[in-house]
Amino acid sequence: MTYNERPLDDDVIQTFQLDTSHLRGRFVRLGGVLDEILSRHAYPEPVADLLGQTITLAVALAGMLKYDGIFTLQAKGDGPVGMIVADVTSAGDLRGYAHFDEDRVADLAPGANSIPALLGKGYLAFTVDQGENTERYQGIVELTGATLTESVNHYFRQSEQLETGMTVTVARQGSEGEGWRGGALLLQRMPEEGGTLVRASDDEDDWRRAMVLMSSATPAELTDPRLPANDLLFRLFHEEGVRVWPPVPVRAGCRCSRERVSTVLRSLPRSEIEELKVDGQVQVTCQFCSNTYGFDDGELARVYEG
């Protein structure tokens, strides 16, 4: 079998463990899913790239949690990109959205794609929502460094006291740059029972070696669907006793629906809704997936009667 004939290994979360150094990890590779989400909007290149990083990072972080609901990664700032958000359900559905100022983004200097340039000053929030009758978890950290990854690392060091290392890459690929792809590697120290971190005499050496090995993965290796995830992990960590679990698939999936939009409309005064009519219809467009729901007079009457 030639390289180009190898099966695709795409849109997955691959959990793994390094037995000799007591580290756990996640490898994420996104292809068609990421491209589908980003292509639904005419985002400028730096905004699409930032949202792609946010989605890829959210998948990597969600993969290390045990939850039944929705994990959300959201950043807000005073820069040209005012807000960026991605969420992942425990069933593996992804979506993402960016709100930005077109004029301010257009005025950015070429290559100005750092967090200070795009988001400015602000914060990064992690939220786990498991539905009614459960307590929602939220962690917040100030945006720090040049990338979202640096802010996440800062959060884990300061708030969770859990040493974490990660690398995230997002890029258009193909001769015409036609498809967005993303990849991420995440490593963490494994806690013992009771939450105590594993500490051995050579623990720091193990950690530094694992970080060096992780950083040796190239963007092409992280995003190439024809390089199987397990082959890459073995290439990087075969001397560390790498052990893998079955991969978990992810997919693009928005939770909007006509019923949900109807509920939102019903919560607003009818007089305000009437002012939103264009050509006899109220149209509501989902910010995440760009689906548009139209409501004429008859449908609005049913909404408010319900």
C-alpha atoms as a PDB file:
ATOM      1  CA  MET A   1       0.000   0.000   0.000  1.00  0.00           C
ATOM      2  CA  THR A   2       1.440   3.384  -0.971  1.00  0.00           C
ATOM      3  CA  TYR A   3       1.378   6.446   1.269  1.00  0.00           C
ATOM      4  CA  ASN A   4      -1.399   8.125  -0.741  1.00  0.00           C
ATOM      5  CA  GLU A   5      -3.539   4.984  -0.543  1.00  0.00           C
ATOM      6  CA  ARG A   6      -3.497   4.771   3.240  1.00  0.00           C
ATOM      7  CA  PRO A   7      -6.886   5.247   4.939  1.00  0.00           C
ATOM      8  CA  LEU A   8      -7.750   8.620   6.407  1.00  0.00           C
ATOM      9  CA  ASP A   9      -7.333   9.091  10.153  1.00  0.00           C
ATOM     10  CA  ASP A  10      -9.308  12.240  10.731  1.00  0.00           C
ATOM     11  CA  ASP A  11     -11.700  14.088  13.050  1.00  0.00           C
ATOM     12  CA  VAL A  12     -10.760  12.049  16.121  1.00  0.00           C
ATOM     13  CA  ILE A  13      -9.613  12.346  19.728  1.00  0.00           C
ATOM     14  CA  GLN A  14      -6.940   9.781  20.559  1.00  0.00           C
ATOM     15  CA  THR A  15      -6.315   9.210  24.269  1.00  0.00           C
ATOM     16  CA  PHE A  16      -2.927   7.840  25.300  1.00  0.00           C
ATOM     17  CA  GLN A  17      -0.669   7.316  28.299  1.00  0.00           C
ATOM     18  CA  LEU A  18       3.107   7.284  28.742  1.00  0.00           C
ATOM     19  CA  ASP A  19       3.678   4.498  31.218  1.00  0.00           C
ATOM     20  CA  THR A  20       7.337   5.105  32.068  1.00  0.00           C
ATOM     21  CA  SER A  21       6.852   8.804  32.840  1.00  0.00           C
ATOM     22  CA  HIS A  22       3.335   8.692  34.381  1.00  0.00           C
ATOM     23  CA  LEU A  23       1.860  11.145  31.884  1.00  0.00           C
ATOM     24  CA  ARG A  24      -1.509  11.099  30.158  1.00  0.00           C
ATOM     25  CA  GLY A  25      -2.301  12.759  26.873  1.00  0.00           C
ATOM     26  CA  ARG A  26      -4.712  13.557  24.097  1.00  0.00           C
ATOM     27  CA  PHE A  27      -4.038  13.815  20.396  1.00  0.00           C
ATOM     28  CA  VAL A  28      -6.624  15.652  18.290  1.00  0.00           C
ATOM     29  CA  ARG A  29      -6.780  15.812  14.524  1.00  0.00           C
ATOM     30  CA  LEU A  30      -9.515  17.795  12.752  1.00  0.00           C
ATOM     31  CA  GLY A  31     -10.096  17.991   9.020  1.00  0.00           C
ATOM     32  CA  GLY A  32     -13.494  18.069   7.359  1.00  0.00           C
ATOM     33  CA  VAL A  33     -15.199  18.958  10.638  1.00  0.00           C
ATOM     34  CA  LEU A  34     -13.064  22.052  11.170  1.00  0.00           C
ATOM     35  CA  ASP A  35     -13.324  23.124   7.544  1.00  0.00           C
ATOM     36  CA  GLU A  36     -17.112  22.742   7.615  1.00  0.00           C
ATOM     37  CA  ILE A  37     -17.456  24.964  10.693  1.00  0.00           C
ATOM     38  CA  LEU A  38     -15.094  27.682   9.466  1.00  0.00           C
ATOM     39  CA  SER A  39     -16.435  27.678   5.906  1.00  0.00           C
ATOM     40  CA  ARG A  40     -19.965  28.548   7.031  1.00  0.00           C
ATOM     41  CA  HIS A  41     -18.816  32.134   7.576  1.00  0.00           C
ATOM     42  CA  ALA A  42     -16.789  34.542   5.469  1.00  0.00           C
ATOM     43  CA  TYR A  43     -14.249  35.052   8.223  1.00  0.00           C
ATOM     44  CA  PRO A  44     -11.095  37.027   7.440  1.00  0.00           C
ATOM     45  CA  GLU A  45      -8.028  34.782   7.542  1.00  0.00           C
ATOM     46  CA  PRO A  46      -6.754  35.793  11.009  1.00  0.00           C
ATOM     47  CA  VAL A  47     -10.229  35.391  12.527  1.00  0.00           C
ATOM     48  CA  ALA A  48     -10.736  31.969  10.931  1.00  0.00           C
ATOM     49  CA  ASP A  49      -7.303  30.892  12.126  1.00  0.00           C
ATOM     50  CA  LEU A  50      -8.042  32.027  15.698  1.00  0.00           C
ATOM     51  CA  LEU A  51     -11.423  30.289  15.734  1.00  0.00           C
ATOM     52  CA  GLY A  52      -9.795  27.151  14.338  1.00  0.00           C
ATOM     53  CA  GLN A  53      -7.286  27.195  17.189  1.00  0.00           C
ATOM     54  CA  THR A  54     -10.106  27.705  19.704  1.00  0.00           C
ATOM     55  CA  ILE A  55     -12.100  24.767  18.344  1.00  0.00           C
ATOM     56  CA  THR A  56      -9.053  22.459  18.212  1.00  0.00           C
ATOM     57  CA  LEU A  57      -8.033  23.463  21.719  1.00  0.00           C
ATOM     58  CA  ALA A  58     -11.568  22.982  23.038  1.00  0.00           C
ATOM     59  CA  VAL A  59     -11.659  19.439  21.649  1.00  0.00           C
ATOM     60  CA  ALA A  60      -8.324  18.615  23.285  1.00  0.00           C
ATOM     61  CA  LEU A  61      -9.443  19.987  26.655  1.00  0.00           C
ATOM     62  CA  ALA A  62     -12.887  18.359  26.490  1.00  0.00           C
ATOM     63  CA  GLY A  63     -11.234  15.017  25.775  1.00  0.00           C
ATOM     64  CA  MET A  64      -9.552  15.025  29.185  1.00  0.00           C
ATOM     65  CA  LEU A  65     -12.797  15.618  31.108  1.00  0.00           C
ATOM     66  CA  LYS A  66     -15.493  13.253  32.279  1.00  0.00           C
ATOM     67  CA  TYR A  67     -18.801  15.029  31.761  1.00  0.00           C
ATOM     68  CA  ASP A  68     -22.254  14.547  30.293  1.00  0.00           C
ATOM     69  CA  GLY A  69     -23.228  17.819  28.689  1.00  0.00           C
ATOM     70  CA  ILE A  70     -21.373  20.694  27.071  1.00  0.00           C
ATOM     71  CA  PHE A  71     -17.813  21.952  27.459  1.00  0.00           C
ATOM     72  CA  THR A  72     -17.322  25.555  26.315  1.00  0.00           C
ATOM     73  CA  LEU A  73     -14.114  27.490  25.715  1.00  0.00           C
ATOM     74  CA  GLN A  74     -14.733  31.215  25.325  1.00  0.00           C
ATOM     75  CA  ALA A  75     -12.471  34.253  25.070  1.00  0.00           C
ATOM     76  CA  LYS A  76     -13.551  37.878  25.300  1.00  0.00           C
ATOM     77  CA  GLY A  77     -11.420  40.958  24.840  1.00  0.00           C
ATOM     78  CA  ASP A  78     -11.309  44.599  23.799  1.00  0.00           C
ATOM     79  CA  GLY A  79      -9.449  43.933  20.540  1.00  0.00           C
ATOM     80  CA  PRO A  80     -10.662  43.627  16.926  1.00  0.00           C
ATOM     81  CA  VAL A  81     -12.052  40.173  17.795  1.00  0.00           C
ATOM     82  CA  GLY A  82     -14.438  40.880  20.649  1.00  0.00           C
ATOM     83  CA  MET A  83     -15.490  37.310  21.352  1.00  0.00           C
ATOM     84  CA  ILE A  84     -14.654  33.818  20.205  1.00  0.00           C
ATOM     85  CA  VAL A  85     -16.318  30.639  21.425  1.00  0.00           C
ATOM     86  CA  ALA A  86     -16.258  26.908  20.771  1.00  0.00           C
ATOM     87  CA  ASP A  87     -18.188  24.161  22.486  1.00  0.00           C
ATOM     88  CA  VAL A  88     -18.063  20.378  22.472  1.00  0.00           C
ATOM     89  CA  THR A  89     -20.803  18.054  23.659  1.00  0.00           C
ATOM     90  CA  SER A  90     -20.035  14.796  25.419  1.00  0.00           C
ATOM     91  CA  ALA A  91     -21.501  13.107  22.314  1.00  0.00           C
ATOM     92  CA  GLY A  92     -18.762  14.676  20.158  1.00  0.00           C
ATOM     93  CA  ASP A  93     -20.665  17.526  18.440  1.00  0.00           C
ATOM     94  CA  LEU A  94     -18.585  20.652  17.771  1.00  0.00           C
ATOM     95  CA  ARG A  95     -19.467  24.197  16.876  1.00  0.00           C
ATOM     96  CA  GLY A  96     -17.770  27.587  17.011  1.00  0.00           C
ATOM     97  CA  TYR A  97     -18.376  31.266  16.363  1.00  0.00           C
ATOM     98  CA  ALA A  98     -16.406  34.531  16.289  1.00  0.00           C
ATOM     99  CA  HIS A  99     -17.681  38.096  16.711  1.00  0.00           C
ATOM    100  CA  PHE A 100     -15.349  40.735  15.315  1.00  0.00           C
ATOM    101  CA  ASP A 101     -15.116  44.305  14.059  1.00  0.00           C
ATOM    102  CA  GLU A 102     -14.569  44.147  10.292  1.00  0.00           C
ATOM    103  CA  ASP A 103     -12.900  47.552  10.057  1.00  0.00           C
ATOM    104  CA  ARG A 104     -10.488  46.899  12.929  1.00  0.00           C
ATOM    105  CA  VAL A 105      -9.572  43.473  11.578  1.00  0.00           C
ATOM    106  CA  ALA A 106      -8.971  44.963   8.118  1.00  0.00           C
ATOM    107  CA  ASP A 107      -6.613  47.526   9.674  1.00  0.00           C
ATOM    108  CA  LEU A 108      -4.406  44.839  11.241  1.00  0.00           C
ATOM    109  CA  ALA A 109      -0.857  44.686   9.964  1.00  0.00           C
ATOM    110  CA  PRO A 110      -0.005  41.587   7.890  1.00  0.00           C
ATOM    111  CA  GLY A 111       0.927  38.722  10.196  1.00  0.00           C
ATOM    112  CA  ALA A 112      -0.623  40.381  13.260  1.00  0.00           C
ATOM    113  CA  ASN A 113      -2.217  37.214  14.582  1.00  0.00           C
ATOM    114  CA  SER A 114      -1.190  37.161  18.236  1.00  0.00           C
ATOM    115  CA  ILE A 115      -3.680  37.228  21.088  1.00  0.00           C
ATOM    116  CA  PRO A 116      -2.771  40.830  22.061  1.00  0.00           C
ATOM    117  CA  ALA A 117      -3.303  41.936  18.436  1.00  0.00           C
ATOM    118  CA  LEU A 118      -6.594  40.100  17.896  1.00  0.00           C
ATOM    119  CA  LEU A 119      -8.296  39.867  21.279  1.00  0.00           C
ATOM    120  CA  GLY A 120      -6.480  42.568  23.208  1.00  0.00           C
ATOM    121  CA  LYS A 121      -6.975  42.536  26.963  1.00  0.00           C
ATOM    122  CA  GLY A 122      -9.577  40.171  28.296  1.00  0.00           C
ATOM    123  CA  TYR A 123     -10.175  36.735  29.702  1.00  0.00           C
ATOM    124  CA  LEU A 124     -10.494  33.081  28.792  1.00  0.00           C
ATOM    125  CA  ALA A 125     -13.313  31.029  30.338  1.00  0.00           C
ATOM    126  CA  PHE A 126     -13.785  27.259  30.639  1.00  0.00           C
ATOM    127  CA  THR A 127     -17.329  26.068  31.340  1.00  0.00           C
ATOM    128  CA  VAL A 128     -18.804  22.614  31.887  1.00  0.00           C
ATOM    129  CA  ASP A 129     -22.611  22.561  31.824  1.00  0.00           C
ATOM    130  CA  GLN A 130     -24.244  19.218  32.582  1.00  0.00           C
ATOM    131  CA  GLY A 131     -27.807  20.492  32.464  1.00  0.00           C
ATOM    132  CA  GLU A 132     -30.490  21.157  35.011  1.00  0.00           C
ATOM    133  CA  ASN A 133     -30.083  20.067  38.619  1.00  0.00           C
ATOM    134  CA  THR A 134     -26.290  20.128  38.349  1.00  0.00           C
ATOM    135  CA  GLU A 135     -23.802  22.769  39.376  1.00  0.00           C
ATOM    136  CA  ARG A 136     -22.113  24.429  36.427  1.00  0.00           C
ATOM    137  CA  TYR A 137     -18.326  24.546  36.646  1.00  0.00           C
ATOM    138  CA  GLN A 138     -16.489  27.618  35.340  1.00  0.00           C
ATOM    139  CA  GLY A 139     -12.853  28.623  35.416  1.00  0.00           C
ATOM    140  CA  ILE A 140     -11.622  32.034  34.263  1.00  0.00           C
ATOM    141  CA  VAL A 141      -8.112  33.267  33.567  1.00  0.00           C
ATOM    142  CA  GLU A 142      -6.720  36.494  32.157  1.00  0.00           C
ATOM    143  CA  LEU A 143      -5.527  36.302  28.548  1.00  0.00           C
ATOM    144  CA  THR A 144      -1.786  35.821  28.839  1.00  0.00           C
ATOM    145  CA  GLY A 145       0.966  35.475  26.250  1.00  0.00           C
ATOM    146  CA  ALA A 146       0.871  35.395  22.468  1.00  0.00           C
ATOM    147  CA  THR A 147      -1.419  32.371  22.016  1.00  0.00           C
ATOM    148  CA  LEU A 148      -4.513  30.810  23.556  1.00  0.00           C
ATOM    149  CA  THR A 149      -2.358  27.819  24.441  1.00  0.00           C
ATOM    150  CA  GLU A 150      -0.225  29.996  26.708  1.00  0.00           C
ATOM    151  CA  SER A 151      -3.347  31.264  28.486  1.00  0.00           C
ATOM    152  CA  VAL A 152      -4.558  27.692  28.999  1.00  0.00           C
ATOM    153  CA  ASN A 153      -1.186  26.631  30.394  1.00  0.00           C
ATOM    154  CA  HIS A 154      -1.293  29.630  32.754  1.00  0.00           C
ATOM    155  CA  TYR A 155      -4.760  28.597  33.938  1.00  0.00           C
ATOM    156  CA  PHE A 156      -3.716  25.041  34.761  1.00  0.00           C
ATOM    157  CA  ARG A 157      -0.609  26.212  36.602  1.00  0.00           C
ATOM    158  CA  GLN A 158      -2.397  28.850  38.647  1.00  0.00           C
ATOM    159  CA  SER A 159      -5.891  27.442  39.174  1.00  0.00           C
ATOM    160  CA  GLU A 160      -5.679  23.676  38.915  1.00  0.00           C
ATOM    161  CA  GLN A 161      -2.010  23.272  39.928  1.00  0.00           C
ATOM    162  CA  LEU A 162      -1.864  20.632  37.226  1.00  0.00           C
ATOM    163  CA  GLU A 163       1.179  20.793  35.003  1.00  0.00           C
ATOM    164  CA  THR A 164       0.072  20.750  31.384  1.00  0.00           C
ATOM    165  CA  GLY A 165       1.882  21.010  28.086  1.00  0.00           C
ATOM    166  CA  MET A 166       0.317  21.329  24.670  1.00  0.00           C
ATOM    167  CA  THR A 167       0.935  22.259  21.085  1.00  0.00           C
ATOM    168  CA  VAL A 168      -1.800  23.375  18.681  1.00  0.00           C
ATOM    169  CA  THR A 169      -1.597  24.054  14.962  1.00  0.00           C
ATOM    170  CA  VAL A 170      -4.205  25.225  12.441  1.00  0.00           C
ATOM    171  CA  ALA A 171      -3.709  26.006   8.764  1.00  0.00           C
ATOM    172  CA  ARG A 172      -5.253  25.933   5.335  1.00  0.00           C
ATOM    173  CA  GLN A 173      -3.909  23.035   3.302  1.00  0.00           C
ATOM    174  CA  GLY A 174      -3.882  22.016  -0.340  1.00  0.00           C
ATOM    175  CA  SER A 175      -2.373  23.725  -3.354  1.00  0.00           C
ATOM    176  CA  GLU A 176      -5.034  26.443  -3.258  1.00  0.00           C
ATOM    177  CA  GLY A 177      -5.379  26.545   0.516  1.00  0.00           C
ATOM    178  CA  GLU A 178      -8.860  25.134   0.144  1.00  0.00           C
ATOM    179  CA  GLY A 179      -9.251  23.204   3.386  1.00  0.00           C
ATOM    180  CA  TRP A 180      -8.794  24.089   7.051  1.00  0.00           C
ATOM    181  CA  ARG A 181      -7.101  21.480   9.223  1.00  0.00           C
ATOM    182  CA  GLY A 182      -6.115  21.405  12.884  1.00  0.00           C
ATOM    183  CA  GLY A 183      -4.068  19.253  15.216  1.00  0.00           C
ATOM    184  CA  ALA A 184      -3.184  19.271  18.899  1.00  0.00           C
ATOM    185  CA  LEU A 185      -1.120  17.302  21.373  1.00  0.00           C
ATOM    186  CA  LEU A 186      -1.744  17.658  25.110  1.00  0.00           C
ATOM    187  CA  LEU A 187       0.192  16.098  27.987  1.00  0.00           C
ATOM    188  CA  GLN A 188      -0.513  16.233  31.720  1.00  0.00           C
ATOM    189  CA  ARG A 189       0.911  14.724  34.854  1.00  0.00           C
ATOM    190  CA  MET A 190      -1.264  11.865  36.073  1.00  0.00           C
ATOM    191  CA  PRO A 191      -2.783  12.353  39.533  1.00  0.00           C
ATOM    192  CA  GLU A 192      -2.848   9.452  41.943  1.00  0.00           C
ATOM    193  CA  GLU A 193      -6.008   8.552  43.809  1.00  0.00           C
ATOM    194  CA  GLY A 194      -6.999  11.452  46.009  1.00  0.00           C
ATOM    195  CA  GLY A 195      -5.692  13.981  43.488  1.00  0.00           C
ATOM    196  CA  THR A 196      -2.017  13.892  44.509  1.00  0.00           C
ATOM    197  CA  LEU A 197       0.291  14.339  41.547  1.00  0.00           C
ATOM    198  CA  VAL A 198       2.755  11.577  40.826  1.00  0.00           C
ATOM    199  CA  ARG A 199       6.267  12.613  41.871  1.00  0.00           C
ATOM    200  CA  ALA A 200       9.269  10.371  41.303  1.00  0.00           C
ATOM    201  CA  SER A 201      12.969  11.116  41.703  1.00  0.00           C
ATOM    202  CA  ASP A 202      13.360  11.532  37.952  1.00  0.00           C
ATOM    203  CA  ASP A 203       9.956  13.196  37.497  1.00  0.00           C
ATOM    204  CA  GLU A 204      11.281  16.517  36.218  1.00  0.00           C
ATOM    205  CA  ASP A 205      13.599  14.800  33.749  1.00  0.00           C
ATOM    206  CA  ASP A 206      10.667  12.725  32.481  1.00  0.00           C
ATOM    207  CA  TRP A 207       8.548  15.836  32.086  1.00  0.00           C
ATOM    208  CA  ARG A 208      11.228  17.793  30.239  1.00  0.00           C
ATOM    209  CA  ARG A 209      11.937  14.867  27.931  1.00  0.00           C
ATOM    210  CA  ALA A 210       8.226  14.466  27.145  1.00  0.00           C
ATOM    211  CA  MET A 211       7.941  18.187  26.369  1.00  0.00           C
ATOM    212  CA  VAL A 212      10.915  17.986  24.003  1.00  0.00           C
ATOM    213  CA  LEU A 213       9.428  14.959  22.247  1.00  0.00           C
ATOM    214  CA  MET A 214       6.026  16.606  21.965  1.00  0.00           C
ATOM    215  CA  SER A 215       7.501  19.811  20.556  1.00  0.00           C
ATOM    216  CA  SER A 216       9.330  17.808  17.889  1.00  0.00           C
ATOM    217  CA  ALA A 217       6.007  17.005  16.187  1.00  0.00           C
ATOM    218  CA  THR A 218       5.729  19.189  13.099  1.00  0.00           C
ATOM    219  CA  PRO A 219       2.531  20.967  11.999  1.00  0.00           C
ATOM    220  CA  ALA A 220       2.408  18.652   8.988  1.00  0.00           C
ATOM    221  CA  GLU A 221       2.549  15.557  11.215  1.00  0.00           C
ATOM    222  CA  LEU A 222      -0.181  16.867  13.487  1.00  0.00           C
ATOM    223  CA  THR A 223      -2.579  17.587  10.631  1.00  0.00           C
ATOM    224  CA  ASP A 224      -1.797  14.930   7.981  1.00  0.00           C
ATOM    225  CA  PRO A 225      -4.789  12.531   7.822  1.00  0.00           C
ATOM    226  CA  ARG A 226      -2.682   9.890   6.079  1.00  0.00           C
ATOM    227  CA  LEU A 227      -0.356   9.631   9.051  1.00  0.00           C
ATOM    228  CA  PRO A 228      -2.347   7.457  11.484  1.00  0.00           C
ATOM    229  CA  ALA A 229      -2.584   8.879  14.980  1.00  0.00           C
ATOM    230  CA  ASN A 230      -1.045   5.775  16.543  1.00  0.00           C
ATOM    231  CA  ASP A 231       1.879   5.863  14.121  1.00  0.00           C
ATOM    232  CA  LEU A 232       2.622   9.445  15.117  1.00  0.00           C
ATOM    233  CA  LEU A 233       2.355   8.668  18.834  1.00  0.00           C
ATOM    234  CA  PHE A 234       4.676   5.683  18.452  1.00  0.00           C
ATOM    235  CA  ARG A 235       7.103   7.789  16.419  1.00  0.00           C
ATOM    236  CA  LEU A 236       7.204  10.383  19.194  1.00  0.00           C
ATOM    237  CA  PHE A 237       6.926   8.324  22.381  1.00  0.00           C
ATOM    238  CA  HIS A 238       7.901   4.696  21.674  1.00  0.00           C
ATOM    239  CA  GLU A 239      10.642   4.827  24.321  1.00  0.00           C
ATOM    240  CA  GLU A 240       8.125   6.116  26.895  1.00  0.00           C
ATOM    241  CA  GLY A 241       5.888   3.040  26.763  1.00  0.00           C
ATOM    242  CA  VAL A 242       3.007   4.736  24.942  1.00  0.00           C
ATOM    243  CA  ARG A 243      -0.353   3.052  25.436  1.00  0.00           C
ATOM    244  CA  VAL A 244      -3.493   4.059  23.495  1.00  0.00           C
ATOM    245  CA  TRP A 245      -7.241   3.731  23.902  1.00  0.00           C
ATOM    246  CA  PRO A 246      -9.847   3.492  21.119  1.00  0.00           C
ATOM    247  CA  PRO A 247     -10.202   6.823  19.285  1.00  0.00           C
ATOM    248  CA  VAL A 248     -13.340   8.906  19.765  1.00  0.00           C
ATOM    249  CA  PRO A 249     -14.884  10.490  16.647  1.00  0.00           C
ATOM    250  CA  VAL A 250     -16.067  14.097  16.552  1.00  0.00           C
ATOM    251  CA  ARG A 251     -18.367  15.866  14.127  1.00  0.00           C
ATOM    252  CA  ALA A 252     -19.774  19.291  13.318  1.00  0.00           C
ATOM    253  CA  GLY A 253     -23.113  19.690  15.041  1.00  0.00           C
ATOM    254  CA  CYS A 254     -25.167  22.743  15.967  1.00  0.00           C
ATOM    255  CA  ARG A 255     -27.958  22.607  18.531  1.00  0.00           C
ATOM    256  CA  CYS A 256     -30.141  25.261  16.928  1.00  0.00           C
ATOM    257  CA  SER A 257     -33.661  24.332  15.796  1.00  0.00           C
ATOM    258  CA  ARG A 258     -36.946  25.988  14.912  1.00  0.00           C
ATOM    259  CA  GLU A 259     -38.267  24.968  18.328  1.00  0.00           C
ATOM    260  CA  ARG A 260     -35.369  26.656  20.137  1.00  0.00           C
ATOM    261  CA  VAL A 261     -35.746  29.825  18.063  1.00  0.00           C
ATOM    262  CA  SER A 262     -39.493  29.822  18.778  1.00  0.00           C
ATOM    263  CA  THR A 263     -38.758  29.673  22.501  1.00  0.00           C
ATOM    264  CA  VAL A 264     -36.444  32.679  22.221  1.00  0.00           C
ATOM    265  CA  LEU A 265     -39.009  34.664  20.232  1.00  0.00           C
ATOM    266  CA  ARG A 266     -41.731  33.804  22.748  1.00  0.00           C
ATOM    267  CA  SER A 267     -39.602  35.346  25.500  1.00  0.00           C
ATOM    268  CA  LEU A 268     -39.658  38.744  23.738  1.00  0.00           C
ATOM    269  CA  PRO A 269     -42.550  41.207  23.534  1.00  0.00           C
ATOM    270  CA  ARG A 270     -44.632  40.694  20.390  1.00  0.00           C
ATOM    271  CA  SER A 271     -44.358  44.408  19.576  1.00  0.00           C
ATOM    272  CA  GLU A 272     -40.573  44.190  19.403  1.00  0.00           C
ATOM    273  CA  ILE A 273     -40.738  41.164  17.126  1.00  0.00           C
ATOM    274  CA  GLU A 274     -43.119  42.960  14.761  1.00  0.00           C
ATOM    275  CA  GLU A 275     -40.510  45.694  14.260  1.00  0.00           C
ATOM    276  CA  LEU A 276     -38.040  43.081  13.004  1.00  0.00           C
ATOM    277  CA  LYS A 277     -40.167  42.017  10.033  1.00  0.00           C
ATOM    278  CA  VAL A 278     -38.690  42.250   6.548  1.00  0.00           C
ATOM    279  CA  ASP A 279     -41.019  41.511   3.620  1.00  0.00           C
ATOM    280  CA  GLY A 280     -43.606  40.122   6.020  1.00  0.00           C
ATOM    281  CA  GLN A 281     -41.241  37.750   7.816  1.00  0.00           C
ATOM    282  CA  VAL A 282     -39.066  37.700  10.882  1.00  0.00           C
ATOM    283  CA  GLN A 283     -35.822  35.929  10.037  1.00  0.00           C
ATOM    284  CA  VAL A 284     -33.439  34.603  12.669  1.00  0.00           C
ATOM    285  CA  THR A 285     -29.969  33.376  11.670  1.00  0.00           C
ATOM    286  CA  CYS A 286     -27.942  31.110  13.940  1.00  0.00           C
ATOM    287  CA  GLN A 287     -24.568  32.683  14.674  1.00  0.00           C
ATOM    288  CA  PHE A 288     -22.922  29.261  14.819  1.00  0.00           C
ATOM    289  CA  CYS A 289     -24.122  27.406  11.717  1.00  0.00           C
ATOM    290  CA  SER A 290     -25.690  30.265   9.662  1.00  0.00           C
ATOM    291  CA  ASN A 291     -29.011  28.430   9.280  1.00  0.00           C
ATOM    292  CA  THR A 292     -31.876  30.925   8.878  1.00  0.00           C
ATOM    293  CA  TYR A 293     -35.357  30.396  10.296  1.00  0.00           C
ATOM    294  CA  GLY A 294     -38.230  32.447   8.860  1.00  0.00           C
ATOM    295  CA  PHE A 295     -41.517  33.189  10.635  1.00  0.00           C
ATOM    296  CA  ASP A 296     -44.510  34.719   8.818  1.00  0.00           C
ATOM    297  CA  ASP A 297     -47.620  36.089  10.527  1.00  0.00           C
ATOM    298  CA  GLY A 298     -49.248  32.685  10.859  1.00  0.00           C
ATOM    299  CA  GLU A 299     -46.128  31.097  12.333  1.00  0.00           C
ATOM    300  CA  LEU A 300     -45.635  33.990  14.736  1.00  0.00           C
ATOM    301  CA  ALA A 301     -49.227  33.609  15.902  1.00  0.00           C
ATOM    302  CA  ARG A 302     -48.578  29.955  16.676  1.00  0.00           C
ATOM    303  CA  VAL A 303     -45.368  30.866  18.513  1.00  0.00           C
ATOM    304  CA  TYR A 304     -47.160  33.256  20.850  1.00  0.00           C
ATOM    305  CA  GLU A 305     -50.180  31.015  21.258  1.00  0.00           C
ATOM    306  CA  GLY A 306     -47.868  28.195  22.337  1.00  0.00           C
END
